[in-house]
């Protein structure tokens, strides 16, 4: 049996022979929880996904193909026991980044201690956002543009100790750019997430993003148009989620879009 990446490519080409992005967009709309750039890293053999992601993709294809995908994944994760999964034992693809594999296999959600570190101050949270948006390790000189020296050193130390950031050759990078926050199952988490929402609004100012549009509209509408407006907003957000390119040299811009839509009834 081939490597996971080879099996993923084979299956994807079977269902979407023309374009990998079409496959990702289709599966993403069905609930695949990774972005396009990361999906392409899987096809290229540069990373291994979590079991959850493998199960998601397997569920989007036929039963036989899904089983082959899972078996190839297990054979690569456990190369010395590949015979257990119906294939010939093969070495894991040499192109797989071991650090990426460890990161994605061991953690898909931030733990509560890490959430607490990010929620302790806006500096920590903004450093985290910068690292997850970066396409390469960030240099200390680059980060010092946005934070005072003492604050930056303290923030990096806290994020490193919490294993949210890694210190690598060339600077600092996110331990896992695709890690997610756990569900808000307690009042403490809900309060933390409310703080993070406010710091999201401040992020653009912290990193000096250019303001392109600022508009507000308040008017009466027919109830028949409300659903249409909501769907158009959903389409905008889905377009943004799909707007990255495999070749990262084209991903030059970062955008921050916040939409607050309220509805209700007023007299008159």
Protein backbone atom coordinates (compact mmCIF):
# COMPACT_ATOMS: atom_id res chain seq x y z
CA UNK A 1 0.00 0.00 0.00
CA UNK A 2 1.29 3.44 -0.82
CA UNK A 3 1.77 6.35 1.53
CA UNK A 4 -1.14 8.36 2.83
CA UNK A 5 -0.36 11.27 0.49
CA UNK A 6 -0.30 8.97 -2.55
CA UNK A 7 -3.58 7.36 -1.56
CA UNK A 8 -5.16 10.76 -0.94
CA UNK A 9 -4.07 11.94 -4.39
CA UNK A 10 -5.40 8.78 -6.02
CA UNK A 11 -8.78 9.13 -4.38
CA UNK A 12 -9.03 12.85 -5.01
CA UNK A 13 -8.20 12.42 -8.71
CA UNK A 14 -10.86 9.71 -8.95
CA UNK A 15 -13.58 12.10 -7.76
CA UNK A 16 -12.09 15.43 -8.88
CA UNK A 17 -9.62 14.71 -11.71
CA UNK A 18 -9.17 18.32 -12.80
CA UNK A 19 -8.37 20.29 -9.66
CA UNK A 20 -7.43 19.66 -6.05
CA UNK A 21 -9.04 22.94 -5.05
CA UNK A 22 -12.41 21.78 -6.36
CA UNK A 23 -12.13 18.72 -4.12
CA UNK A 24 -11.16 20.78 -1.10
CA UNK A 25 -13.97 23.29 -1.69
CA UNK A 26 -16.54 20.50 -2.00
CA UNK A 27 -15.32 18.72 1.12
CA UNK A 28 -14.90 21.98 3.03
CA UNK A 29 -18.55 22.84 2.43
CA UNK A 30 -19.40 19.42 3.83
CA UNK A 31 -17.43 20.14 6.99
CA UNK A 32 -13.72 19.46 6.31
CA UNK A 33 -11.95 21.47 9.00
CA UNK A 34 -8.68 22.42 7.29
CA UNK A 35 -7.79 25.18 4.85
CA UNK A 36 -6.72 24.64 1.24
CA UNK A 37 -3.01 25.31 1.82
CA UNK A 38 -2.88 22.67 4.55
CA UNK A 39 -4.84 20.21 2.41
CA UNK A 40 -2.24 20.55 -0.33
CA UNK A 41 0.51 19.84 2.18
CA UNK A 42 -1.25 16.54 2.84
CA UNK A 43 -1.35 15.67 -0.86
CA UNK A 44 2.31 16.60 -1.22
CA UNK A 45 3.33 14.43 1.71
CA UNK A 46 4.63 17.36 3.75
CA UNK A 47 2.39 16.75 6.76
CA UNK A 48 0.14 14.13 8.32
CA UNK A 49 -3.37 15.07 9.47
CA UNK A 50 -5.12 14.18 12.68
CA UNK A 51 -7.25 11.01 12.78
CA UNK A 52 -10.30 13.31 12.87
CA UNK A 53 -9.41 14.86 9.51
CA UNK A 54 -8.71 11.45 7.97
CA UNK A 55 -12.13 10.25 9.15
CA UNK A 56 -13.78 13.33 7.69
CA UNK A 57 -12.24 12.83 4.24
CA UNK A 58 -12.96 9.10 4.35
CA UNK A 59 -16.60 9.91 5.03
CA UNK A 60 -16.82 12.08 1.92
CA UNK A 61 -15.81 9.29 -0.49
CA UNK A 62 -17.04 5.78 -1.15
CA UNK A 63 -16.73 3.12 1.53
CA UNK A 64 -13.94 1.20 -0.21
CA UNK A 65 -11.89 4.31 -0.94
CA UNK A 66 -12.47 5.55 2.60
CA UNK A 67 -11.17 2.31 4.04
CA UNK A 68 -8.08 2.40 1.81
CA UNK A 69 -7.39 5.96 2.93
CA UNK A 70 -7.64 5.03 6.61
CA UNK A 71 -5.45 1.96 6.11
CA UNK A 72 -2.77 3.94 4.30
CA UNK A 73 -2.81 6.49 7.12
CA UNK A 74 -2.45 3.81 9.81
CA UNK A 75 0.32 2.10 7.84
CA UNK A 76 2.27 5.36 7.70
CA UNK A 77 1.72 6.22 11.35
CA UNK A 78 2.77 2.69 12.38
CA UNK A 79 5.28 1.66 9.67
CA UNK A 80 6.58 -1.34 11.64
CA UNK A 81 3.06 -2.74 11.78
CA UNK A 82 1.95 -1.82 8.26
CA UNK A 83 1.17 -5.47 7.56
CA UNK A 84 -1.77 -5.20 9.94
CA UNK A 85 -3.48 -2.75 7.60
CA UNK A 86 -3.60 -4.90 4.49
CA UNK A 87 -0.52 -3.50 2.79
CA UNK A 88 3.19 -4.07 2.37
CA UNK A 89 5.31 -2.34 4.99
CA UNK A 90 6.87 0.76 3.48
CA UNK A 91 8.94 3.54 4.88
CA UNK A 92 7.05 6.71 5.61
CA UNK A 93 7.34 9.24 2.82
CA UNK A 94 10.68 10.98 3.35
CA UNK A 95 9.11 14.32 2.46
CA UNK A 96 6.88 14.33 5.55
CA UNK A 97 7.98 16.98 7.96
CA UNK A 98 8.40 15.12 11.24
CA UNK A 99 7.71 18.22 13.28
CA UNK A 100 4.47 18.82 11.37
CA UNK A 101 3.47 15.19 11.88
CA UNK A 102 4.04 15.32 15.61
CA UNK A 103 2.21 18.62 15.94
CA UNK A 104 -0.89 17.59 14.04
CA UNK A 105 -1.09 14.11 15.49
CA UNK A 106 -0.71 15.13 19.10
CA UNK A 107 -2.88 18.24 19.32
CA UNK A 108 -5.84 19.52 17.38
CA UNK A 109 -7.34 21.74 20.11
CA UNK A 110 -5.67 24.15 22.47
CA UNK A 111 -5.71 22.85 26.03
CA UNK A 112 -7.19 24.89 28.88
CA UNK A 113 -3.80 26.09 30.11
CA UNK A 114 -2.94 27.38 26.65
CA UNK A 115 -6.30 29.14 26.35
CA UNK A 116 -5.67 30.76 29.73
CA UNK A 117 -2.26 32.02 28.54
CA UNK A 118 -3.79 33.51 25.39
CA UNK A 119 -6.64 35.03 27.38
CA UNK A 120 -4.38 36.60 29.98
CA UNK A 121 -3.54 39.67 27.86
CA UNK A 122 -4.01 41.03 24.35
CA UNK A 123 -0.24 40.91 23.73
CA UNK A 124 -0.17 37.11 23.99
CA UNK A 125 -3.23 36.72 21.80
CA UNK A 126 -1.93 39.06 19.11
CA UNK A 127 1.43 37.25 19.05
CA UNK A 128 -0.50 34.02 18.56
CA UNK A 129 -2.48 35.52 15.67
CA UNK A 130 0.68 36.82 14.02
CA UNK A 131 2.33 33.39 14.22
CA UNK A 132 -0.66 31.51 12.80
CA UNK A 133 -0.95 33.93 9.87
CA UNK A 134 2.78 33.79 9.07
CA UNK A 135 4.09 31.67 6.18
CA UNK A 136 7.55 31.34 7.73
CA UNK A 137 9.20 31.82 11.13
CA UNK A 138 8.96 35.40 12.38
CA UNK A 139 12.14 37.20 13.35
CA UNK A 140 12.49 39.05 16.61
CA UNK A 141 13.14 42.27 14.70
CA UNK A 142 9.86 41.84 12.82
CA UNK A 143 7.85 41.28 15.99
CA UNK A 144 9.50 44.23 17.75
CA UNK A 145 7.74 46.50 15.29
CA UNK A 146 4.46 45.87 17.11
CA UNK A 147 5.50 45.41 20.76
CA UNK A 148 7.82 47.05 23.25
CA UNK A 149 10.96 45.02 23.97
CA UNK A 150 10.05 44.08 27.54
CA UNK A 151 6.47 43.14 26.57
CA UNK A 152 7.65 41.12 23.58
CA UNK A 153 10.18 39.14 25.61
CA UNK A 154 7.60 38.37 28.29
CA UNK A 155 4.98 37.34 25.74
CA UNK A 156 7.33 35.07 23.80
CA UNK A 157 8.48 33.44 27.03
CA UNK A 158 4.91 32.68 28.11
CA UNK A 159 3.90 31.31 24.69
CA UNK A 160 7.03 29.16 24.45
CA UNK A 161 6.51 27.69 27.93
CA UNK A 162 2.89 26.93 27.04
CA UNK A 163 4.09 25.27 23.79
CA UNK A 164 1.94 27.60 21.72
CA UNK A 165 5.04 28.89 19.90
CA UNK A 166 8.24 27.12 18.91
CA UNK A 167 11.67 28.70 18.65
CA UNK A 168 13.19 27.44 15.41
CA UNK A 169 15.98 28.38 13.07
CA UNK A 170 15.05 31.76 11.70
CA UNK A 171 12.75 32.89 14.51
CA UNK A 172 9.45 31.86 16.06
CA UNK A 173 6.57 29.89 14.59
CA UNK A 174 3.21 28.55 15.74
CA UNK A 175 3.42 25.04 17.18
CA UNK A 176 0.37 24.21 15.07
CA UNK A 177 -1.07 26.88 12.73
CA UNK A 178 -4.34 24.95 12.38
CA UNK A 179 -4.99 24.34 16.07
CA UNK A 180 -8.49 25.30 17.23
CA UNK A 181 -10.03 26.62 20.41
CA UNK A 182 -12.08 24.13 22.44
CA UNK A 183 -15.86 24.58 22.68
CA UNK A 184 -17.04 27.11 25.27
CA UNK A 185 -18.40 24.57 27.75
CA UNK A 186 -17.91 26.67 30.88
CA UNK A 187 -18.60 30.22 31.96
CA UNK A 188 -14.87 30.79 32.38
CA UNK A 189 -14.21 29.85 28.75
CA UNK A 190 -17.11 31.97 27.56
CA UNK A 191 -15.70 34.97 29.39
CA UNK A 192 -12.26 34.32 27.90
CA UNK A 193 -13.71 34.12 24.40
CA UNK A 194 -15.52 37.42 24.92
CA UNK A 195 -12.16 39.02 25.68
CA UNK A 196 -10.61 37.42 22.61
CA UNK A 197 -13.45 38.77 20.47
CA UNK A 198 -12.64 42.28 21.66
CA UNK A 199 -8.92 41.74 21.03
CA UNK A 200 -9.75 40.55 17.52
CA UNK A 201 -11.09 44.04 16.87
CA UNK A 202 -7.90 45.60 18.25
CA UNK A 203 -5.60 43.36 16.20
CA UNK A 204 -5.89 45.41 13.01
CA UNK A 205 -4.80 48.50 14.89
CA UNK A 206 -1.94 46.68 16.63
CA UNK A 207 -0.42 45.47 13.34
CA UNK A 208 -1.35 48.66 11.48
CA UNK A 209 -3.69 47.19 8.88
CA UNK A 210 -4.97 49.71 6.35
CA UNK A 211 -8.66 50.52 6.74
CA UNK A 212 -10.31 49.95 3.39
CA UNK A 213 -14.04 50.17 4.12
CA UNK A 214 -16.08 51.34 7.08
CA UNK A 215 -19.82 51.50 6.57
CA UNK A 216 -22.95 51.25 8.64
CA UNK A 217 -26.51 51.05 7.39
CA UNK A 218 -29.71 51.17 9.39
CA UNK A 219 -33.00 50.81 7.56
CA UNK A 220 -36.22 48.86 7.32
CA UNK A 221 -36.36 45.85 5.00
CA UNK A 222 -38.88 43.25 3.93
CA UNK A 223 -38.62 39.97 5.85
CA UNK A 224 -38.33 38.24 2.46
CA UNK A 225 -34.92 39.84 1.93
CA UNK A 226 -33.44 38.90 5.30
CA UNK A 227 -32.62 35.32 4.24
CA UNK A 228 -31.01 36.55 1.03
CA UNK A 229 -28.81 39.02 2.92
CA UNK A 230 -27.75 36.31 5.38
CA UNK A 231 -26.83 33.93 2.53
CA UNK A 232 -24.79 36.63 0.80
CA UNK A 233 -22.83 37.24 3.99
CA UNK A 234 -22.21 33.48 4.36
CA UNK A 235 -20.94 33.43 0.77
CA UNK A 236 -18.53 36.29 1.48
CA UNK A 237 -17.03 34.49 4.47
CA UNK A 238 -16.79 31.21 2.56
CA UNK A 239 -15.01 33.03 -0.28
CA UNK A 240 -12.48 34.45 2.18
CA UNK A 241 -11.85 30.99 3.66
CA UNK A 242 -11.13 29.67 0.16
CA UNK A 243 -9.05 32.62 -1.00
CA UNK A 244 -5.57 31.34 -0.21
CA UNK A 245 -3.21 29.97 -2.86
CA UNK A 246 -1.05 26.88 -2.79
CA UNK A 247 1.94 28.96 -3.90
CA UNK A 248 2.39 31.11 -0.82
CA UNK A 249 4.19 33.86 -2.74
CA UNK A 250 0.75 35.00 -3.88
CA UNK A 251 -0.66 35.17 -0.34
CA UNK A 252 0.67 38.65 0.26
CA UNK A 253 -2.35 40.28 1.88
CA UNK A 254 -4.06 39.75 5.20
CA UNK A 255 -7.62 40.99 5.56
CA UNK A 256 -9.73 41.46 8.65
CA UNK A 257 -13.46 41.55 8.11
CA UNK A 258 -16.00 41.94 10.87
CA UNK A 259 -19.72 41.93 10.22
CA UNK A 260 -22.31 42.69 12.87
CA UNK A 261 -25.84 42.07 11.66
CA UNK A 262 -28.70 42.76 14.07
CA UNK A 263 -32.44 42.60 13.52
CA UNK A 264 -35.52 43.44 15.49
CA UNK A 265 -38.75 45.39 15.51
CA UNK A 266 -39.14 49.07 16.23
CA UNK A 267 -42.30 51.14 16.63
CA UNK A 268 -43.64 53.09 13.64
